[in-house]
Each structure stands twice: as C-alpha cells, then as structure tokens.
Amino acid sequence: MTETEQAILQALTELDRQVKAMATANPKPNLVPLFTRLDELSRQLPPNTSPDLRHYLQKKSYEKARLFLEGRDAENAAGNCGHR
C-alpha cells in the first residue's frame, strides 16, 4: 500500500467514525474538511493505482473504498453503475 493509499484509508476510517457518531454528537461534526482531504489525496494517487479504488473514490463510494483498502473488497455490493 502506498503512503497516499494509507493516508486515504486513515481519512476514510475517520470519516466512518464521525458518521457513526453523528446520531449522538452535539454539535454535529463538520465533515467538509474530510471530504476535501479525500479529494486532495485522490488526486495524488499514482497512475498505477487500482482502477477499482479510483472508481470508488471518483464516485464518492467511500465505504467501498475503505473496504477495498482494508482488503475486504469481496464484501462490496454491486452499485447502480453495475460495478462492484
């Protein structure tokens, strides 16, 4: 896993944590900085990055991207686009 992919996984894990805590959080967390960070990191991925990971990030399928980076891509369900 590249450093950029590791940073993306860290950001995705933090996003997942904050989203799960939203129901009880007061005040609600501002997720915009995490989305901005993910966009920045996505642009830094090298050309040989997995097309699946690129697809998930471009489509903002952040849970699928997280599962992919955790080695759990088999758990991803097919999306509306027909891509798993």
Protein backbone atom coordinates (compact mmCIF):
# COMPACT_ATOMS: atom_id res chain seq x y z
CA MET A 1 0.00 0.00 0.00
CA THR A 2 1.38 3.41 -0.95
CA GLU A 3 1.67 6.29 1.51
CA THR A 4 -1.17 8.05 -0.29
CA GLU A 5 -3.38 4.97 -0.01
CA GLN A 6 -2.53 4.74 3.69
CA ALA A 7 -3.49 8.40 4.16
CA ILE A 8 -6.74 7.79 2.28
CA LEU A 9 -7.51 4.79 4.49
CA GLN A 10 -6.87 6.90 7.60
CA ALA A 11 -9.19 9.64 6.31
CA LEU A 12 -11.86 7.09 5.36
CA THR A 13 -11.64 5.45 8.78
CA GLU A 14 -12.02 8.84 10.46
CA LEU A 15 -14.97 9.68 8.21
CA ASP A 16 -16.63 6.37 9.11
CA ARG A 17 -16.07 7.04 12.82
CA GLN A 18 -17.52 10.54 12.63
CA VAL A 19 -20.54 9.46 10.58
CA LYS A 20 -21.34 6.69 13.06
CA ALA A 21 -21.12 9.20 15.94
CA MET A 22 -23.38 11.79 14.27
CA ALA A 23 -26.60 10.44 15.78
CA THR A 24 -25.48 11.41 19.26
CA ALA A 25 -22.96 14.17 18.52
CA ASN A 26 -23.76 17.66 19.66
CA PRO A 27 -22.64 19.73 17.90
CA LYS A 28 -22.58 17.73 14.68
CA PRO A 29 -19.08 17.29 13.21
CA ASN A 30 -18.10 19.27 10.13
CA LEU A 31 -17.28 16.62 7.52
CA VAL A 32 -16.28 19.05 4.78
CA PRO A 33 -12.58 19.06 5.73
CA LEU A 34 -12.51 15.25 5.47
CA PHE A 35 -14.17 15.34 2.04
CA THR A 36 -11.69 17.99 0.90
CA ARG A 37 -8.77 15.90 2.20
CA LEU A 38 -10.04 12.82 0.39
CA ASP A 39 -10.35 14.77 -2.87
CA GLU A 40 -6.79 16.10 -2.47
CA LEU A 41 -5.38 12.66 -1.70
CA SER A 42 -7.28 11.09 -4.60
CA ARG A 43 -5.59 13.50 -6.99
CA GLN A 44 -2.20 12.38 -5.65
CA LEU A 45 -2.67 8.70 -6.45
CA PRO A 46 -0.05 7.33 -8.83
CA PRO A 47 -1.07 6.20 -12.33
CA ASN A 48 -0.73 2.51 -11.45
CA THR A 49 -3.39 2.74 -8.72
CA SER A 50 -6.08 0.08 -8.86
CA PRO A 51 -8.89 1.10 -11.23
CA ASP A 52 -11.37 -0.18 -8.62
CA LEU A 53 -10.03 2.18 -5.97
CA ARG A 54 -10.05 5.09 -8.42
CA HIS A 55 -13.65 4.26 -9.35
CA TYR A 56 -14.81 4.14 -5.73
CA LEU A 57 -13.17 7.47 -4.92
CA GLN A 58 -14.41 9.20 -8.08
CA LYS A 59 -17.97 8.05 -7.34
CA LYS A 60 -17.59 9.10 -3.67
CA SER A 61 -18.25 5.50 -2.64
CA TYR A 62 -16.18 5.98 0.46
CA GLU A 63 -17.31 2.86 2.31
CA LYS A 64 -16.41 0.74 -0.73
CA ALA A 65 -13.03 2.46 -0.96
CA ARG A 66 -12.39 1.80 2.74
CA LEU A 67 -13.32 -1.88 2.42
CA PHE A 68 -11.10 -2.16 -0.67
CA LEU A 69 -8.12 -0.67 1.17
CA GLU A 70 -8.76 -2.96 4.15
CA GLY A 71 -8.54 -5.97 1.81
CA ARG A 72 -12.29 -6.58 2.12
CA ASP A 73 -13.38 -5.75 -1.45
CA ALA A 74 -15.33 -9.03 -1.65
CA GLU A 75 -17.80 -7.50 0.84
CA ASN A 76 -18.67 -4.69 -1.57
CA ALA A 77 -22.08 -4.97 -3.18
CA ALA A 78 -22.67 -4.02 -6.81
CA GLY A 79 -23.58 -0.36 -7.21
CA ASN A 80 -26.10 1.29 -9.51
CA CYS A 81 -23.39 1.54 -12.15
CA GLY A 82 -23.00 -2.25 -12.14
CA HIS A 83 -19.53 -2.03 -10.66
CA ARG A 84 -18.82 -3.99 -7.53
